[in-house]
Amino acid sequence: MVIEYGYITLFASAFPLAPILSMLCNLIELRSDMFKLVYVCRRPHVNRVRNIGIWRNIMYVLFTLSIVSNCFLFGFTTEQMMVWIPSWFQLEKEL
């Protein structure tokens, strides 16, 4: 699920349909896991833990990288950077 979260957040501006497709896939997986737990195998044993451990740090890094990557995707694929910083995009005039 963390990998899926990474794909959705890192490239949300490139493919806006991804969160909807991800939710649909998760619902299908939820139903199949529910069937498997009810009819095929026993309930798993629960081990209590204090927190989610290293996964919190991984999610924070993904969150930070997603902000940076979406800003770069937006900035360099639209014409907005040309408006804000025109000196970067001026071509030399031919004689």
N, C-alpha and C. Protein backbone atom coordinates (compact mmCIF):
# COMPACT_ATOMS: atom_id res chain seq x y z
N MET A 1 0.79 -1.19 0.00
CA MET A 1 0.00 0.00 0.00
C MET A 1 0.84 1.26 0.00
N VAL A 2 2.00 1.18 0.60
CA VAL A 2 2.88 2.36 0.62
C VAL A 2 3.40 2.64 -0.79
N ILE A 3 3.70 1.61 -1.54
CA ILE A 3 4.16 1.80 -2.92
C ILE A 3 3.04 2.42 -3.76
N GLU A 4 1.85 1.96 -3.58
CA GLU A 4 0.70 2.53 -4.29
C GLU A 4 0.49 3.99 -3.90
N TYR A 5 0.61 4.29 -2.63
CA TYR A 5 0.51 5.67 -2.16
C TYR A 5 1.59 6.54 -2.81
N GLY A 6 2.79 5.98 -2.93
CA GLY A 6 3.87 6.71 -3.56
C GLY A 6 3.59 7.03 -5.01
N TYR A 7 3.09 6.05 -5.76
CA TYR A 7 2.76 6.29 -7.17
C TYR A 7 1.67 7.34 -7.31
N ILE A 8 0.68 7.27 -6.45
CA ILE A 8 -0.44 8.21 -6.55
C ILE A 8 0.01 9.63 -6.21
N THR A 9 0.76 9.78 -5.14
CA THR A 9 1.14 11.13 -4.74
C THR A 9 2.27 11.71 -5.58
N LEU A 10 3.22 10.87 -5.99
CA LEU A 10 4.35 11.39 -6.76
C LEU A 10 3.93 11.85 -8.15
N PHE A 11 2.96 11.19 -8.74
CA PHE A 11 2.59 11.50 -10.12
C PHE A 11 1.12 11.88 -10.26
N ALA A 12 0.56 12.50 -9.25
CA ALA A 12 -0.85 12.89 -9.28
C ALA A 12 -1.13 13.93 -10.36
N SER A 13 -0.21 14.83 -10.58
CA SER A 13 -0.45 15.85 -11.60
C SER A 13 -0.28 15.30 -13.01
N ALA A 14 0.46 14.22 -13.17
CA ALA A 14 0.64 13.63 -14.49
C ALA A 14 -0.53 12.72 -14.88
N PHE A 15 -1.15 12.06 -13.91
CA PHE A 15 -2.26 11.14 -14.20
C PHE A 15 -3.32 11.29 -13.11
N PRO A 16 -4.23 12.26 -13.28
CA PRO A 16 -5.22 12.54 -12.23
C PRO A 16 -6.24 11.42 -12.00
N LEU A 17 -6.34 10.48 -12.92
CA LEU A 17 -7.28 9.38 -12.77
C LEU A 17 -6.74 8.29 -11.85
N ALA A 18 -5.47 8.34 -11.49
CA ALA A 18 -4.83 7.31 -10.67
C ALA A 18 -5.50 7.09 -9.32
N PRO A 19 -5.87 8.13 -8.56
CA PRO A 19 -6.51 7.85 -7.27
C PRO A 19 -7.83 7.10 -7.39
N ILE A 20 -8.59 7.38 -8.42
CA ILE A 20 -9.86 6.68 -8.60
C ILE A 20 -9.62 5.22 -8.96
N LEU A 21 -8.67 4.98 -9.86
CA LEU A 21 -8.34 3.60 -10.22
C LEU A 21 -7.76 2.85 -9.04
N SER A 22 -6.97 3.52 -8.24
CA SER A 22 -6.40 2.89 -7.06
C SER A 22 -7.50 2.50 -6.06
N MET A 23 -8.46 3.38 -5.87
CA MET A 23 -9.57 3.07 -4.96
C MET A 23 -10.37 1.87 -5.47
N LEU A 24 -10.59 1.81 -6.77
CA LEU A 24 -11.31 0.68 -7.35
C LEU A 24 -10.53 -0.62 -7.14
N CYS A 25 -9.23 -0.59 -7.38
CA CYS A 25 -8.41 -1.78 -7.16
C CYS A 25 -8.38 -2.19 -5.69
N ASN A 26 -8.33 -1.21 -4.81
CA ASN A 26 -8.34 -1.52 -3.38
C ASN A 26 -9.67 -2.12 -2.93
N LEU A 27 -10.77 -1.66 -3.50
CA LEU A 27 -12.07 -2.26 -3.17
C LEU A 27 -12.15 -3.71 -3.64
N ILE A 28 -11.63 -3.98 -4.83
CA ILE A 28 -11.62 -5.35 -5.33
C ILE A 28 -10.73 -6.22 -4.45
N GLU A 29 -9.57 -5.71 -4.08
CA GLU A 29 -8.68 -6.46 -3.20
C GLU A 29 -9.29 -6.68 -1.83
N LEU A 30 -10.01 -5.70 -1.32
CA LEU A 30 -10.68 -5.83 -0.02
C LEU A 30 -11.72 -6.94 -0.07
N ARG A 31 -12.50 -6.97 -1.14
CA ARG A 31 -13.52 -8.02 -1.28
C ARG A 31 -12.89 -9.40 -1.38
N SER A 32 -11.82 -9.51 -2.15
CA SER A 32 -11.18 -10.83 -2.30
C SER A 32 -10.53 -11.27 -0.99
N ASP A 33 -9.92 -10.34 -0.26
CA ASP A 33 -9.34 -10.70 1.04
C ASP A 33 -10.43 -11.06 2.04
N MET A 34 -11.57 -10.38 1.98
CA MET A 34 -12.67 -10.70 2.87
C MET A 34 -13.18 -12.12 2.60
N PHE A 35 -13.32 -12.47 1.34
CA PHE A 35 -13.75 -13.84 1.00
C PHE A 35 -12.73 -14.85 1.48
N LYS A 36 -11.47 -14.56 1.27
CA LYS A 36 -10.41 -15.48 1.66
C LYS A 36 -10.39 -15.69 3.18
N LEU A 37 -10.56 -14.62 3.95
CA LEU A 37 -10.55 -14.75 5.41
C LEU A 37 -11.78 -15.46 5.95
N VAL A 38 -12.91 -15.27 5.30
CA VAL A 38 -14.14 -15.88 5.80
C VAL A 38 -14.25 -17.35 5.41
N TYR A 39 -13.90 -17.70 4.18
CA TYR A 39 -14.16 -19.04 3.68
C TYR A 39 -12.93 -19.92 3.52
N VAL A 40 -11.75 -19.37 3.41
CA VAL A 40 -10.60 -20.19 3.06
C VAL A 40 -9.67 -20.45 4.24
N CYS A 41 -9.34 -19.43 5.00
CA CYS A 41 -8.36 -19.62 6.07
C CYS A 41 -8.85 -18.99 7.37
N ARG A 42 -8.09 -19.23 8.42
CA ARG A 42 -8.44 -18.71 9.74
C ARG A 42 -8.06 -17.25 9.88
N ARG A 43 -8.59 -16.65 10.91
CA ARG A 43 -8.25 -15.27 11.23
C ARG A 43 -6.81 -15.20 11.73
N PRO A 44 -6.03 -14.23 11.25
CA PRO A 44 -4.63 -14.15 11.71
C PRO A 44 -4.55 -13.67 13.15
N HIS A 45 -3.48 -14.09 13.83
CA HIS A 45 -3.24 -13.65 15.21
C HIS A 45 -2.78 -12.20 15.22
N VAL A 46 -3.24 -11.46 16.22
CA VAL A 46 -2.91 -10.04 16.32
C VAL A 46 -1.73 -9.85 17.26
N ASN A 47 -0.75 -9.10 16.79
CA ASN A 47 0.39 -8.71 17.62
C ASN A 47 0.34 -7.20 17.78
N ARG A 48 0.18 -6.75 19.01
CA ARG A 48 0.08 -5.31 19.27
C ARG A 48 1.46 -4.68 19.25
N VAL A 49 1.50 -3.49 18.64
CA VAL A 49 2.75 -2.72 18.62
C VAL A 49 2.45 -1.30 19.05
N ARG A 50 3.48 -0.58 19.43
CA ARG A 50 3.30 0.78 19.93
C ARG A 50 3.02 1.78 18.81
N ASN A 51 3.76 1.68 17.69
CA ASN A 51 3.57 2.59 16.56
C ASN A 51 3.91 1.85 15.26
N ILE A 52 3.92 2.57 14.16
CA ILE A 52 4.17 1.89 12.88
C ILE A 52 5.65 1.83 12.53
N GLY A 53 6.51 2.34 13.39
CA GLY A 53 7.95 2.19 13.23
C GLY A 53 8.51 3.00 12.08
N ILE A 54 9.35 2.37 11.28
CA ILE A 54 10.07 3.04 10.21
C ILE A 54 9.13 3.50 9.09
N TRP A 55 7.95 2.91 9.02
CA TRP A 55 7.01 3.28 7.96
C TRP A 55 6.57 4.74 8.07
N ARG A 56 6.59 5.29 9.27
CA ARG A 56 6.24 6.71 9.44
C ARG A 56 7.26 7.59 8.71
N ASN A 57 8.52 7.26 8.85
CA ASN A 57 9.57 8.02 8.17
C ASN A 57 9.48 7.85 6.65
N ILE A 58 9.17 6.65 6.22
CA ILE A 58 9.02 6.39 4.77
C ILE A 58 7.87 7.21 4.21
N MET A 59 6.76 7.25 4.92
CA MET A 59 5.61 8.03 4.46
C MET A 59 5.94 9.53 4.44
N TYR A 60 6.70 10.01 5.40
CA TYR A 60 7.10 11.41 5.42
C TYR A 60 7.98 11.75 4.23
N VAL A 61 8.92 10.88 3.91
CA VAL A 61 9.79 11.10 2.75
C VAL A 61 8.97 11.09 1.46
N LEU A 62 8.04 10.14 1.33
CA LEU A 62 7.17 10.10 0.15
C LEU A 62 6.32 11.37 0.04
N PHE A 63 5.83 11.84 1.16
CA PHE A 63 5.04 13.06 1.18
C PHE A 63 5.85 14.24 0.69
N THR A 64 7.08 14.37 1.19
CA THR A 64 7.95 15.48 0.78
C THR A 64 8.33 15.38 -0.69
N LEU A 65 8.70 14.19 -1.14
CA LEU A 65 9.07 14.00 -2.54
C LEU A 65 7.89 14.25 -3.47
N SER A 66 6.69 13.92 -3.03
CA SER A 66 5.53 14.13 -3.89
C SER A 66 5.26 15.61 -4.10
N ILE A 67 5.48 16.41 -3.07
CA ILE A 67 5.31 17.86 -3.24
C ILE A 67 6.32 18.40 -4.24
N VAL A 68 7.57 18.00 -4.10
CA VAL A 68 8.62 18.48 -4.99
C VAL A 68 8.38 18.01 -6.42
N SER A 69 8.07 16.73 -6.61
CA SER A 69 7.89 16.21 -7.97
C SER A 69 6.66 16.82 -8.65
N ASN A 70 5.58 17.02 -7.91
CA ASN A 70 4.40 17.63 -8.53
C ASN A 70 4.65 19.09 -8.88
N CYS A 71 5.42 19.79 -8.06
CA CYS A 71 5.76 21.18 -8.41
C CYS A 71 6.62 21.22 -9.67
N PHE A 72 7.60 20.32 -9.78
CA PHE A 72 8.43 20.29 -10.97
C PHE A 72 7.63 19.87 -12.20
N LEU A 73 6.77 18.88 -12.05
CA LEU A 73 5.94 18.46 -13.18
C LEU A 73 5.04 19.59 -13.66
N PHE A 74 4.45 20.29 -12.72
CA PHE A 74 3.60 21.42 -13.10
C PHE A 74 4.41 22.56 -13.70
N GLY A 75 5.54 22.86 -13.08
CA GLY A 75 6.33 23.99 -13.52
C GLY A 75 6.96 23.83 -14.89
N PHE A 76 7.43 22.63 -15.20
CA PHE A 76 8.15 22.44 -16.44
C PHE A 76 7.30 21.88 -17.58
N THR A 77 6.08 21.51 -17.32
CA THR A 77 5.22 21.03 -18.41
C THR A 77 4.15 22.04 -18.80
N THR A 78 4.05 23.13 -18.08
CA THR A 78 3.09 24.17 -18.45
C THR A 78 3.84 25.42 -18.87
N GLU A 79 3.13 26.38 -19.33
CA GLU A 79 3.71 27.65 -19.78
C GLU A 79 3.90 28.62 -18.61
N GLN A 80 3.56 28.21 -17.41
CA GLN A 80 3.59 29.12 -16.26
C GLN A 80 5.00 29.59 -15.94
N MET A 81 6.01 28.73 -16.10
CA MET A 81 7.38 29.14 -15.83
C MET A 81 7.83 30.24 -16.79
N MET A 82 7.34 30.21 -18.02
CA MET A 82 7.69 31.26 -18.98
C MET A 82 7.14 32.61 -18.55
N VAL A 83 6.01 32.60 -17.87
CA VAL A 83 5.41 33.85 -17.41
C VAL A 83 6.16 34.38 -16.20
N TRP A 84 6.52 33.49 -15.27
CA TRP A 84 7.15 33.91 -14.04
C TRP A 84 8.62 34.29 -14.23
N ILE A 85 9.35 33.50 -15.01
CA ILE A 85 10.79 33.73 -15.20
C ILE A 85 11.09 33.75 -16.70
N PRO A 86 10.76 34.83 -17.38
CA PRO A 86 10.94 34.85 -18.84
C PRO A 86 12.40 34.88 -19.28
N SER A 87 13.31 35.28 -18.41
CA SER A 87 14.72 35.34 -18.81
C SER A 87 15.31 33.95 -19.05
N TRP A 88 14.75 32.94 -18.45
CA TRP A 88 15.24 31.58 -18.67
C TRP A 88 14.85 31.05 -20.05
N PHE A 89 13.82 31.64 -20.65
CA PHE A 89 13.26 31.06 -21.87
C PHE A 89 13.42 31.96 -23.09
N GLN A 90 14.13 33.07 -22.97
CA GLN A 90 14.30 33.95 -24.12
C GLN A 90 15.32 33.37 -25.09
N LEU A 91 14.95 33.37 -26.34
CA LEU A 91 15.85 32.89 -27.38
C LEU A 91 16.60 34.09 -27.96
N GLU A 92 17.79 33.81 -28.42
CA GLU A 92 18.57 34.88 -29.06
C GLU A 92 17.98 35.20 -30.42
N LYS A 93 17.84 36.47 -30.73
CA LYS A 93 17.25 36.88 -31.98
C LYS A 93 18.28 36.72 -33.11
N GLU A 94 17.78 36.22 -34.22
CA GLU A 94 18.65 36.03 -35.38
C GLU A 94 18.84 37.34 -36.12
N LEU A 95 19.99 37.51 -36.77
CA LEU A 95 20.28 38.73 -37.53
C LEU A 95 19.79 38.63 -38.92
